[in-house]
Protein backbone atom coordinates (compact mmCIF):
# COMPACT_ATOMS: atom_id res chain seq x y z
CA MET A 1 -12.29 -1.94 9.34
CA GLU A 2 -9.29 -3.90 9.39
CA THR A 3 -9.15 -6.82 11.38
CA VAL A 4 -7.26 -6.94 14.57
CA PHE A 5 -5.43 -10.23 15.67
CA ILE A 6 -5.51 -10.96 19.41
CA PHE A 7 -3.46 -13.75 20.92
CA GLY A 8 -0.80 -15.14 23.60
CA HIS A 9 2.51 -16.42 23.76
CA LYS A 10 4.02 -19.01 21.59
CA ILE A 11 3.23 -21.95 23.91
CA PRO A 12 -0.49 -21.44 24.82
CA ASP A 13 -1.80 -21.86 27.84
CA THR A 14 -5.55 -21.29 29.66
CA ASP A 15 -4.93 -18.11 30.44
CA SER A 16 -3.19 -16.85 27.04
CA VAL A 17 -5.98 -18.64 25.02
CA CYS A 18 -8.97 -17.57 26.83
CA SER A 19 -7.66 -14.16 27.50
CA SER A 20 -7.48 -13.83 23.51
CA ILE A 21 -11.01 -15.17 23.23
CA SER A 22 -12.81 -12.95 25.85
CA LEU A 23 -10.84 -9.89 24.85
CA ALA A 24 -12.18 -10.33 21.33
CA TYR A 25 -15.59 -10.79 22.03
CA LEU A 26 -15.34 -7.67 24.18
CA LYS A 27 -13.85 -5.79 21.19
CA ASN A 28 -16.28 -6.94 18.87
CA LYS A 29 -18.86 -5.71 21.35
CA LEU A 30 -17.07 -2.57 21.43
CA GLY A 31 -17.09 -2.13 17.71
CA VAL A 32 -13.85 -3.27 17.06
CA LYS A 33 -13.35 -6.36 14.40
CA ALA A 34 -11.21 -8.53 16.66
CA LYS A 35 -10.31 -12.30 16.00
CA PRO A 36 -8.65 -14.39 18.40
CA ARG A 37 -5.34 -16.68 17.25
CA VAL A 38 -2.94 -18.90 19.02
CA LEU A 39 0.67 -19.59 18.25
CA GLY A 40 0.81 -23.00 18.90
CA SER A 41 -1.10 -26.29 19.81
CA LEU A 42 -3.26 -26.29 22.97
CA ASN A 43 -2.66 -28.65 25.92
CA LYS A 44 -5.27 -30.68 27.68
CA GLU A 45 -6.70 -28.41 30.35
CA THR A 46 -7.28 -25.90 27.87
CA LYS A 47 -9.17 -28.09 25.54
CA PHE A 48 -11.15 -29.14 28.18
CA VAL A 49 -12.06 -25.69 29.33
CA LEU A 50 -13.06 -24.95 25.97
CA ASP A 51 -14.91 -28.02 25.36
CA TYR A 52 -16.43 -27.55 28.82
CA PHE A 53 -18.33 -24.18 27.94
CA ASN A 54 -18.64 -25.25 24.12
CA VAL A 55 -16.32 -22.58 22.82
CA PRO A 56 -14.40 -23.09 19.44
CA GLU A 57 -10.48 -23.46 19.10
CA PRO A 58 -9.30 -20.20 17.92
CA SER A 59 -7.27 -20.50 14.26
CA PHE A 60 -3.53 -20.90 14.30
CA LEU A 61 -1.45 -18.01 13.57
CA ASN A 62 1.79 -18.76 12.08
CA ASP A 63 3.36 -15.02 11.71
CA VAL A 64 2.64 -11.45 11.12
CA LYS A 65 5.10 -10.98 8.70
CA VAL A 66 4.30 -8.56 5.64
CA GLN A 67 2.96 -10.55 2.76
CA ILE A 68 2.43 -9.85 -0.74
CA ARG A 69 -1.28 -9.55 -0.23
CA ASN A 70 -0.73 -6.60 2.43
CA MET A 71 1.33 -4.88 -0.33
CA LYS A 72 -0.53 -2.53 -2.94
CA TYR A 73 0.38 -3.85 -6.10
CA ASN A 74 -1.67 -3.23 -9.28
CA LYS A 75 -4.45 -5.76 -9.76
CA THR A 76 -5.30 -4.43 -13.08
CA ALA A 77 -1.87 -5.06 -14.48
CA MET A 78 -2.29 -8.07 -16.78
CA ILE A 79 -3.70 -8.23 -20.62
CA ASN A 80 -5.27 -11.00 -22.22
CA GLU A 81 -2.98 -12.79 -24.61
CA LYS A 82 -5.41 -12.68 -27.57
CA GLU A 83 -5.23 -8.79 -26.97
CA SER A 84 -3.31 -7.10 -30.08
CA ILE A 85 0.28 -5.96 -29.73
CA TYR A 86 -1.04 -2.33 -29.95
CA THR A 87 -3.67 -2.76 -27.21
CA SER A 88 -0.92 -4.02 -25.10
CA TYR A 89 1.45 -1.23 -25.71
CA MET A 90 -1.40 1.09 -25.22
CA LYS A 91 -2.00 -0.45 -21.73
CA LEU A 92 1.78 -0.23 -20.57
CA THR A 93 1.49 3.41 -21.66
CA GLU A 94 -1.58 3.89 -19.30
CA LEU A 95 -0.20 1.99 -16.41
CA GLY A 96 3.52 3.55 -16.64
CA CYS A 97 4.90 0.21 -16.47
CA THR A 98 7.49 -1.81 -18.79
CA GLY A 99 6.17 -5.23 -18.71
CA LEU A 100 2.86 -6.95 -18.51
CA PRO A 101 1.57 -10.71 -17.62
CA LEU A 102 -0.31 -12.06 -20.33
CA VAL A 103 -3.55 -14.33 -19.27
CA ASP A 104 -5.77 -16.63 -21.12
CA ASP A 105 -9.64 -16.16 -20.41
CA GLU A 106 -9.74 -17.53 -16.95
CA GLU A 107 -6.82 -15.22 -16.14
CA LYS A 108 -4.09 -17.93 -15.96
CA LEU A 109 -0.76 -16.50 -16.35
CA LYS A 110 0.49 -17.71 -19.80
CA GLY A 111 3.63 -15.68 -20.12
CA TYR A 112 4.88 -12.16 -19.65
CA VAL A 113 5.88 -9.48 -22.32
CA ASN A 114 7.33 -6.11 -22.17
CA VAL A 115 8.42 -2.82 -23.95
CA LYS A 116 11.77 -4.41 -25.17
CA SER A 117 10.22 -7.78 -26.78
CA ILE A 118 7.64 -5.10 -28.59
CA SER A 119 10.64 -3.11 -29.85
CA ARG A 120 12.42 -5.89 -30.91
CA TYR A 121 9.60 -7.93 -32.76
CA LEU A 122 8.86 -4.42 -34.86
CA ILE A 123 12.36 -3.95 -35.52
CA GLU A 124 13.98 -7.49 -36.11
CA ASP A 125 11.26 -9.51 -37.16
CA ASN A 126 10.78 -9.30 -41.37
CA GLY A 127 7.81 -11.97 -41.58
CA TYR A 128 4.69 -9.93 -42.60
CA THR A 129 2.12 -12.51 -41.46
CA LEU A 130 -0.89 -11.85 -39.35
CA LYS A 131 -2.54 -13.64 -36.65
CA THR A 132 -5.19 -12.30 -34.82
CA SER A 133 -9.29 -11.46 -34.46
CA TYR A 134 -11.00 -9.78 -36.81
CA ASN A 135 -12.22 -7.33 -33.93
CA ASN A 136 -8.54 -6.64 -33.16
CA ILE A 137 -8.06 -5.62 -36.91
CA LEU A 138 -11.19 -3.32 -36.19
CA LYS A 139 -9.92 -1.89 -32.96
CA THR A 140 -6.10 -1.00 -33.87
CA LEU A 141 -6.74 0.30 -37.64
CA ASN A 142 -9.86 2.06 -36.60
CA ALA A 143 -11.58 0.18 -39.13
CA LYS A 144 -14.92 -0.28 -40.54
CA GLU A 145 -16.37 -3.73 -40.96
CA ILE A 146 -17.78 -4.30 -44.41
CA LEU A 147 -18.20 -8.21 -44.69
CA ARG A 148 -17.25 -10.84 -41.89
CA PHE A 149 -17.20 -14.34 -42.25
CA ASP A 150 -14.19 -15.54 -39.79
CA GLU A 151 -13.73 -14.31 -36.44
CA GLU A 152 -9.90 -15.24 -36.44
CA ILE A 153 -7.82 -13.89 -39.42
CA GLU A 154 -4.38 -15.59 -40.37
CA GLY A 155 -2.39 -15.12 -43.42
CA ASN A 156 0.31 -13.37 -45.47
CA ILE A 157 0.17 -9.68 -45.62
CA LEU A 158 0.72 -7.92 -49.39
CA ALA A 159 0.08 -4.41 -50.30
CA ALA A 160 -1.14 -3.70 -53.96
CA ALA A 161 1.62 -1.15 -54.53
CA TYR A 162 2.31 -1.98 -57.94
CA LYS A 163 0.45 -0.92 -61.15
CA SER A 164 -2.94 -2.98 -61.73
CA GLU A 165 -1.38 -4.75 -64.85
CA THR A 166 2.00 -5.43 -63.08
CA PHE A 167 -0.04 -6.79 -60.24
CA LEU A 168 -2.38 -8.86 -61.85
CA THR A 169 0.14 -10.68 -63.91
CA SER A 170 2.95 -11.20 -61.23
CA VAL A 171 1.41 -11.66 -58.16
CA LYS A 172 -0.26 -15.03 -57.49
CA LEU A 173 -2.62 -14.85 -54.67
CA LYS A 174 -3.51 -17.70 -52.21
CA THR A 175 -6.50 -18.16 -49.94
CA ASP A 176 -4.78 -17.36 -46.82
CA ASP A 177 -3.51 -13.83 -48.33
CA ILE A 178 -4.52 -10.24 -46.71
CA LEU A 179 -4.70 -7.66 -49.19
CA ILE A 180 -3.94 -4.13 -48.80
CA VAL A 181 -5.56 -1.98 -51.45
CA GLY A 182 -7.06 1.38 -52.62
CA ASP A 183 -9.56 2.18 -55.25
CA ARG A 184 -8.05 -0.32 -57.84
CA PHE A 185 -11.22 -2.07 -58.67
CA LYS A 186 -9.59 -4.97 -61.06
CA ILE A 187 -7.13 -5.86 -58.12
CA MET A 188 -10.19 -5.88 -55.53
CA ASP A 189 -11.98 -8.22 -58.57
CA TYR A 190 -8.68 -10.42 -58.72
CA ALA A 191 -8.69 -10.85 -54.93
CA ILE A 192 -12.04 -11.70 -54.14
CA SER A 193 -12.32 -14.41 -57.01
CA SER A 194 -8.79 -15.79 -55.69
CA LYS A 195 -11.05 -15.91 -52.16
CA ILE A 196 -8.02 -14.54 -50.30
CA LYS A 197 -8.46 -14.18 -46.46
CA LEU A 198 -8.91 -10.43 -45.88
CA LEU A 199 -9.55 -7.55 -48.10
CA VAL A 200 -8.47 -4.09 -46.24
CA ILE A 201 -9.62 -1.09 -48.61
CA VAL A 202 -7.69 2.06 -47.52
CA ASN A 203 -8.53 5.73 -47.50
CA ASN A 204 -12.29 4.72 -46.57
CA ASN A 205 -12.92 3.58 -49.92
CA THR A 206 -15.79 0.49 -49.95
CA LEU A 207 -16.66 -2.15 -52.44
CA PRO A 208 -19.18 -1.25 -55.55
CA ALA A 209 -22.32 -3.44 -55.41
CA ASP A 210 -21.06 -6.11 -57.94
CA LEU A 211 -17.67 -6.71 -56.21
CA MET A 212 -19.80 -6.78 -52.71
CA GLU A 213 -21.94 -9.58 -54.03
CA ALA A 214 -19.00 -11.43 -55.29
CA ALA A 215 -17.13 -10.81 -51.98
CA LYS A 216 -20.49 -12.63 -50.23
CA VAL A 217 -20.24 -15.55 -52.78
CA ASN A 218 -16.68 -15.97 -52.02
CA LYS A 219 -16.83 -15.43 -48.31
CA VAL A 220 -13.97 -12.96 -48.26
CA ASN A 221 -13.62 -10.76 -45.37
CA VAL A 222 -13.77 -7.22 -46.25
CA ILE A 223 -12.84 -3.94 -43.94
CA SER A 224 -12.50 -0.30 -44.91
CA VAL A 225 -9.64 1.73 -43.08
CA PRO A 226 -9.24 5.64 -42.75
CA LEU A 227 -5.62 5.11 -43.35
CA GLY A 228 -3.15 5.39 -46.21
CA THR A 229 -1.61 2.39 -47.56
CA TYR A 230 1.75 3.32 -46.28
CA LYS A 231 0.48 3.59 -42.79
CA CYS A 232 -1.88 0.88 -42.82
CA SER A 233 0.92 -1.56 -43.96
CA ASN A 234 2.85 -0.38 -40.91
CA MET A 235 0.30 -0.58 -38.32
CA ILE A 236 -1.31 -3.85 -39.49
CA ARG A 237 1.38 -5.81 -37.95
CA LEU A 238 0.07 -4.35 -34.47
CA CYS A 239 -3.10 -6.06 -35.34
CA ASN A 240 -1.26 -9.26 -34.15
CA TYR A 241 -2.14 -11.04 -31.08
CA VAL A 242 0.70 -9.89 -28.56
CA SER A 243 1.22 -14.01 -27.84
CA MET A 244 2.88 -13.91 -31.51
CA ILE A 245 5.89 -11.78 -29.69
CA ASN A 246 8.60 -14.03 -28.22
CA VAL A 247 7.19 -13.76 -24.84
CA ASN A 248 8.69 -15.02 -21.54
CA ILE A 249 6.39 -17.94 -20.98
CA ASN A 250 8.29 -18.76 -17.56
CA PRO A 251 8.52 -15.27 -15.89
CA VAL A 252 9.43 -14.89 -12.01
CA THR A 253 6.23 -14.84 -10.17
CA PHE A 254 5.41 -14.67 -6.25
CA THR A 255 1.87 -15.73 -4.87
CA ASN A 256 -0.38 -13.49 -2.25
CA TYR A 257 1.32 -15.58 0.65
CA ASP A 258 4.84 -14.78 -0.15
CA TYR A 259 6.43 -12.62 2.32
CA ARG A 260 7.96 -8.76 1.45
CA THR A 261 11.43 -10.00 3.00
CA ASP A 262 12.00 -12.54 0.45
CA PHE A 263 10.26 -10.52 -2.65
CA LEU A 264 13.03 -7.63 -1.80
CA ALA A 265 16.28 -10.30 -1.69
CA ILE A 266 14.98 -12.05 -4.71
CA SER A 267 14.21 -8.86 -6.80
CA SER A 268 17.59 -7.31 -5.78
CA LYS A 269 19.27 -10.63 -6.47
CA LEU A 270 17.58 -10.67 -10.33
CA GLY A 271 17.22 -6.77 -10.82
CA HIS A 272 14.28 -6.91 -12.58
CA THR A 273 11.24 -4.34 -11.88
CA ASN A 274 8.07 -6.24 -12.68
CA TYR A 275 6.82 -9.69 -11.06
CA PRO A 276 3.41 -11.31 -11.93
CA ILE A 277 1.54 -12.04 -8.71
CA VAL A 278 -0.68 -15.47 -9.29
CA ASP A 279 -2.51 -18.13 -6.93
CA VAL A 280 -1.85 -21.69 -6.02
CA GLN A 281 -3.77 -22.32 -9.34
CA ASN A 282 -1.35 -19.81 -11.21
CA LYS A 283 -4.23 -17.32 -11.72
CA CYS A 284 -2.96 -13.78 -12.21
CA LEU A 285 -3.96 -11.29 -9.46
CA GLY A 286 -1.99 -8.59 -10.83
CA MET A 287 1.77 -7.50 -11.10
CA MET A 288 4.25 -6.13 -8.38
CA GLN A 289 6.66 -3.55 -9.14
CA LEU A 290 9.46 -2.91 -7.20
CA VAL A 291 8.40 0.55 -6.43
CA ASP A 292 5.51 -1.09 -5.11
CA ALA A 293 7.44 -2.72 -1.95
CA SER A 294 7.43 0.23 -0.17
CA ASN A 295 3.51 0.77 -0.16
CA PHE A 296 1.99 -1.90 2.25
CA ASP A 297 -0.41 -2.52 5.26
CA LYS A 298 0.88 -4.12 8.57
CA LEU A 299 -1.17 -6.37 10.66
CA ASN A 300 -3.03 -5.01 13.58
CA VAL A 301 -2.26 -7.06 16.50
CA ILE A 302 -2.72 -6.91 20.28
CA LEU A 303 -0.49 -8.86 22.68
CA VAL A 304 -2.31 -10.84 25.64
CA ASP A 305 -0.51 -12.59 28.47
CA HIS A 306 3.06 -11.53 27.19
CA ASN A 307 5.06 -8.47 26.16
CA ASN A 308 8.18 -10.37 25.56
CA PRO A 309 8.90 -10.41 21.67
CA VAL A 310 11.09 -13.66 22.04
CA GLN A 311 7.82 -15.20 23.41
CA SER A 312 5.58 -13.66 20.88
CA VAL A 313 4.58 -14.67 17.04
CA ASP A 314 7.43 -14.64 14.50
CA GLY A 315 7.62 -11.16 12.39
CA LEU A 316 6.45 -9.34 15.68
CA GLU A 317 8.67 -6.28 14.70
CA GLU A 318 6.66 -6.20 11.04
CA ALA A 319 3.26 -5.66 12.78
CA ASN A 320 1.44 -2.94 14.53
CA ILE A 321 1.05 -3.67 18.59
CA ILE A 322 -1.83 -1.44 19.15
CA GLU A 323 -2.44 -2.89 22.37
CA VAL A 324 -0.76 -4.94 25.40
CA ILE A 325 -2.66 -6.52 27.97
CA ASP A 326 -0.44 -8.54 30.62
CA HIS A 327 0.21 -9.58 33.93
CA HIS A 328 4.02 -10.27 33.92
CA ASN A 329 7.40 -7.91 34.12
CA LEU A 330 8.17 -5.96 31.48
CA SER A 331 10.27 -6.83 28.55
CA ASP A 332 12.16 -4.49 25.97
CA LEU A 333 9.33 -4.26 23.57
CA GLY A 334 9.36 -1.73 21.47
CA THR A 335 6.46 0.11 19.13
CA ASN A 336 6.62 2.69 16.84
CA ILE A 337 3.82 4.47 18.23
CA PRO A 338 2.27 5.27 21.70
CA ILE A 339 -0.28 2.30 22.72
CA ASN A 340 -2.65 1.32 25.34
CA PHE A 341 -0.42 -0.90 27.64
CA ARG A 342 -2.72 -2.42 30.90
CA SER A 343 -0.56 -3.85 33.13
CA MET A 344 -1.37 -5.10 36.55
CA PRO A 345 0.17 -7.33 39.51
CA VAL A 346 -2.46 -9.90 39.60
CA GLY A 347 -2.45 -13.63 39.20
CA CYS A 348 -4.03 -13.74 35.29
CA THR A 349 -4.53 -11.78 32.36
CA CYS A 350 -7.99 -12.58 32.40
CA THR A 351 -8.51 -10.89 35.99
CA ILE A 352 -7.53 -7.37 34.21
CA ILE A 353 -9.87 -8.39 30.78
CA TYR A 354 -12.94 -8.78 33.25
CA ILE A 355 -12.00 -5.24 34.69
CA LEU A 356 -12.21 -4.06 30.98
CA TYR A 357 -15.69 -5.57 30.88
CA GLN A 358 -16.82 -3.48 33.69
CA GLU A 359 -14.96 -0.26 32.89
CA ASN A 360 -17.02 -0.87 29.25
CA ASN A 361 -20.28 -1.66 30.77
CA VAL A 362 -20.34 -4.72 28.54
CA GLU A 363 -22.47 -7.76 29.81
CA ILE A 364 -20.22 -10.99 30.37
CA PRO A 365 -21.95 -13.96 28.89
CA LYS A 366 -22.02 -17.37 30.60
CA ASP A 367 -19.11 -18.83 27.95
CA MET A 368 -17.00 -16.04 28.37
CA ALA A 369 -17.16 -16.09 32.14
CA GLY A 370 -16.62 -19.52 31.99
CA LEU A 371 -13.29 -19.00 30.24
CA MET A 372 -12.00 -16.16 32.13
CA LEU A 373 -12.60 -18.25 35.57
CA SER A 374 -10.55 -21.13 34.31
CA ALA A 375 -7.93 -19.10 33.36
CA ILE A 376 -7.50 -17.19 36.80
CA LEU A 377 -7.99 -21.02 38.44
CA SER A 378 -5.30 -22.06 36.10
CA ASP A 379 -2.86 -19.45 36.64
CA THR A 380 -3.15 -19.08 40.31
CA LEU A 381 -3.40 -22.94 40.95
CA LEU A 382 -7.28 -22.87 42.29
CA LEU A 383 -6.30 -19.55 43.92
CA GLN A 384 -3.69 -20.83 46.10
CA SER A 385 -0.51 -19.36 44.33
CA PRO A 386 1.22 -16.99 46.05
CA THR A 387 0.63 -14.91 42.86
CA THR A 388 -3.23 -14.62 43.46
CA THR A 389 -4.66 -11.21 44.70
CA ASP A 390 -7.56 -10.17 46.33
CA ARG A 391 -8.84 -9.17 42.92
CA ASP A 392 -8.41 -12.42 41.69
CA LYS A 393 -10.39 -13.93 44.29
CA GLU A 394 -13.10 -11.42 43.97
CA THR A 395 -13.22 -11.75 40.11
CA ALA A 396 -13.33 -15.62 40.27
CA LYS A 397 -16.21 -15.63 42.71
CA VAL A 398 -18.17 -13.52 40.30
CA LEU A 399 -17.43 -15.48 37.29
CA ALA A 400 -18.43 -18.65 38.59
CA GLU A 401 -21.74 -17.21 39.55
CA ILE A 402 -22.14 -16.03 35.87
CA ALA A 403 -20.75 -19.47 34.78
CA GLY A 404 -22.84 -21.53 36.93
CA VAL A 405 -20.20 -23.55 38.56
CA ASP A 406 -18.63 -24.32 41.96
CA ILE A 407 -14.83 -23.21 41.95
CA ASN A 408 -13.84 -25.85 44.04
CA GLU A 409 -15.79 -28.68 42.20
CA TYR A 410 -15.13 -27.29 38.57
CA GLY A 411 -11.56 -26.28 39.42
CA MET A 412 -10.67 -29.67 40.37
CA LYS A 413 -12.17 -31.36 37.36
CA MET A 414 -10.08 -28.84 35.28
CA LEU A 415 -6.86 -29.86 37.15
CA LYS A 416 -7.40 -33.49 36.96
CA ALA A 417 -7.92 -33.08 33.02
CA ALA A 418 -4.47 -30.72 32.97
CA SER A 419 -2.42 -33.32 35.08
CA SER A 420 -2.82 -36.57 33.34
CA VAL A 421 0.82 -37.22 31.46
CA LYS A 422 -0.05 -40.70 30.30
CA GLY A 423 1.01 -41.45 27.06
CA MET A 424 3.07 -37.89 26.52
CA SER A 425 6.60 -37.95 25.23
CA VAL A 426 9.58 -36.11 27.00
CA ASP A 427 9.45 -33.45 24.36
CA GLU A 428 5.52 -32.78 24.93
CA MET A 429 6.18 -32.72 28.71
CA LEU A 430 9.11 -30.07 28.41
CA ASP A 431 7.32 -28.04 26.15
CA ALA A 432 3.77 -27.82 27.73
CA ASP A 433 4.30 -24.57 29.01
CA ILE A 434 7.89 -23.63 28.15
CA LYS A 435 9.33 -19.71 28.20
CA SER A 436 12.38 -18.50 27.01
CA PHE A 437 14.23 -15.63 28.65
CA ASN A 438 17.28 -13.73 28.34
CA CYS A 439 18.73 -11.49 31.08
CA ASN A 440 22.15 -9.40 30.29
CA ASP A 441 23.08 -11.90 27.19
CA VAL A 442 22.41 -14.93 29.09
CA ASN A 443 19.62 -17.10 27.73
CA PHE A 444 17.69 -19.62 29.40
CA THR A 445 14.37 -21.61 29.35
CA ILE A 446 11.90 -22.59 32.08
CA GLY A 447 9.37 -25.22 31.66
CA GLN A 448 6.47 -26.21 33.92
CA LEU A 449 4.46 -29.05 33.97
CA LEU A 450 1.23 -29.60 36.37
CA THR A 451 0.22 -32.92 37.50
CA LEU A 452 -0.88 -34.93 40.13
CA ASP A 453 1.26 -38.24 39.02
CA PHE A 454 4.84 -36.91 39.35
CA GLU A 455 6.07 -41.02 39.43
CA GLU A 456 4.96 -40.93 36.01
CA VAL A 457 7.55 -38.05 35.16
CA ALA A 458 10.28 -39.47 37.36
CA ARG A 459 10.65 -42.74 35.54
CA LEU A 460 11.64 -40.69 32.60
CA GLU A 461 14.37 -38.85 34.55
CA LYS A 462 17.17 -39.88 32.32
CA GLU A 463 15.48 -38.92 28.75
CA ILE A 464 14.23 -35.59 30.51
CA VAL A 465 17.81 -34.53 31.51
CA GLU A 466 19.44 -35.71 28.27
CA GLU A 467 16.95 -33.59 26.56
CA LEU A 468 17.66 -30.58 28.90
CA ASN A 469 21.38 -31.08 28.13
CA SER A 470 20.79 -30.84 24.59
CA ARG A 471 18.96 -27.69 25.04
CA THR A 472 22.09 -25.87 26.43
CA LYS A 473 24.64 -26.55 23.82
CA ILE A 474 23.51 -24.29 21.34
CA ASP A 475 23.16 -20.97 23.36
CA ASN A 476 21.26 -21.48 26.28
CA LYS A 477 23.29 -21.53 29.89
CA LEU A 478 20.37 -22.91 31.82
CA ALA A 479 17.71 -25.53 30.49
CA LEU A 480 15.23 -25.93 33.68
CA PHE A 481 11.59 -27.91 34.02
CA PHE A 482 9.83 -27.83 36.68
CA VAL A 483 6.78 -30.23 37.68
CA THR A 484 4.13 -29.11 39.88
CA ASP A 485 1.71 -30.29 42.47
CA ALA A 486 -0.79 -28.25 42.95
CA VAL A 487 -2.20 -30.48 45.89
CA LYS A 488 1.10 -30.65 47.87
CA LYS A 489 1.69 -27.00 46.69
CA GLY A 490 5.23 -27.66 45.51
CA SER A 491 7.40 -28.54 42.49
CA TYR A 492 10.09 -31.03 41.57
CA MET A 493 13.06 -29.51 39.66
CA PHE A 494 14.98 -30.90 36.77
CA TYR A 495 18.04 -29.19 35.30
CA ASN A 496 20.86 -29.56 32.60
CA GLU A 497 24.06 -31.07 34.51
CA ASP A 498 25.87 -28.20 33.95
CA GLY A 499 23.93 -25.88 35.73
CA ALA A 500 23.68 -27.64 38.96
CA LYS A 501 26.24 -25.49 40.78
CA LEU A 502 24.55 -22.35 39.16
CA LEU A 503 21.20 -23.58 40.68
CA GLU A 504 22.60 -24.04 44.26
CA GLU A 505 23.76 -20.61 44.43
CA ILE A 506 20.88 -18.84 42.79
CA TYR A 507 18.09 -20.62 45.14
CA GLY A 508 20.30 -21.68 48.34
CA LEU A 509 20.44 -24.87 47.78
CA GLU A 510 22.92 -27.87 48.99
CA ASN A 511 24.07 -30.69 47.14
CA ILE A 512 20.64 -30.83 44.83
CA LYS A 513 20.04 -33.71 42.54
CA GLN A 514 17.29 -34.40 39.62
CA GLY A 515 13.98 -34.22 40.70
CA ILE A 516 14.63 -32.36 43.81
CA TYR A 517 11.37 -31.57 45.67
CA ILE A 518 11.29 -27.36 46.45
CA ASP A 519 8.20 -26.78 49.07
CA GLY A 520 6.05 -24.04 48.12
CA PHE A 521 7.50 -23.53 44.63
CA VAL A 522 4.53 -23.46 42.29
CA SER A 523 4.82 -19.93 40.73
CA ARG A 524 7.33 -19.49 37.61
CA LYS A 525 6.95 -15.76 37.57
CA LYS A 526 7.26 -15.13 41.11
CA GLN A 527 9.00 -17.88 42.68
CA VAL A 528 11.39 -19.62 40.03
CA LEU A 529 12.05 -16.81 37.61
CA PRO A 530 12.89 -13.75 40.02
CA PRO A 531 16.10 -15.28 41.52
CA ILE A 532 17.60 -16.10 38.33
CA LEU A 533 16.99 -12.60 37.21
CA GLU A 534 18.69 -11.47 40.28
CA TYR A 535 21.70 -13.60 39.98
CA PHE A 536 22.56 -12.53 36.14
CA GLU A 537 21.49 -8.61 36.71
CA ARG A 538 24.41 -8.98 39.75
CA ARG A 539 26.59 -10.19 37.60
CA GLY A 540 26.37 -8.58 34.53
């Protein structure tokens, strides 16, 4: 069963995180292998909630782009560098590819060999030397073991093509020679007495008893092959270790975690067709062929508390979105197949998830109830936000009972944990809960910070405005920052200086100034955002 990853928006808040965790719990209970994830660092409030109910923080999800590990590459396409050239060629033929990664006994990548390099070796290399294992010779020549004293055979290849008398008088044999011979017993005797490295007897011939004993004494390796002298002389070079070929010892490689898009770009530039896949220790995991690039699995994902691609994970267009559960306005999100899309006009995504528990008759444990309650209290500012519905209030009451907490008492604890800004930098304040929007090709951002200590924020007004100004120099028309006081039930607004006149028109204000207090403004979704969208839509 494939894993489904569940996550909220890029700047995690309590609703997005608790929705991911509680929905993942429900999905697993229903037989779906699901894992919650987060797309950024958790804020103080969310950390307080998870600690309070003893729930571990979800792992970070960097992106959902297709990686090499999601692609169907050949995990058997490699060959040990100590295999023979013949065996390597046969594997190339079997796999239908033109090249293979070479590996050592621990499967560490040692190089790369292809059909072209094998052909060049056979045609251009005039040397007749052998360096290989005894077993490789047996396997390649379909030979029979007569005597074995060495596991590795290395030496110069000779064939007894002369008459016996000529050979005995004109050829000086050495201990590292490898001699191919037929049934010429005088030459065999000469070779054995010279203590050569290997005696290869063709046409399935063997040694007579006296020569067998002499070969044992002199520790001469002996094999018998079914081939004739000519065929054996041509085939024996294929017994060599494949690493003997002039291989590419530094081939272009990819790791399991490289992206498919990067693979396509690099392979298009280089024009190669085969690429070894390795891990961080340079262990070979197989080989990717260019034709494999279109054969891959997408990650399955469920979006909670958002449906806007701009606010979502990087690479979302490369994933399978199988479900969305949200309480925000609809964006331009598109999918390739029909999906489950649950959207309701409630104050919190966890209210919808509670309904899903009820619909599927799944019992809610104490910790999941605590998380869902926390999300509702956070998103509705302790059930005081104008986004709060009767369904939110009813759900919060049931969840509080299951979690064993008092709504007001616990809610104030959570609010105090979230509202401290002591020690926070300007960037941390602005990015604590920020969302990006686009309307009629106009980009803007709205950040919101919940705190009971506005004075601590106000003393940083100059730095805040400078940062908001810098954020509109590229492609944003507006950069807004609302500091919300849940007790006073209003917000203080900061903005980029060039947006002052625009904001006066949007919100019907006069002579606005930085840090202006707007009574009743506590909801980004219902109070801050709609007038901006309406303004830009009218001027579209």
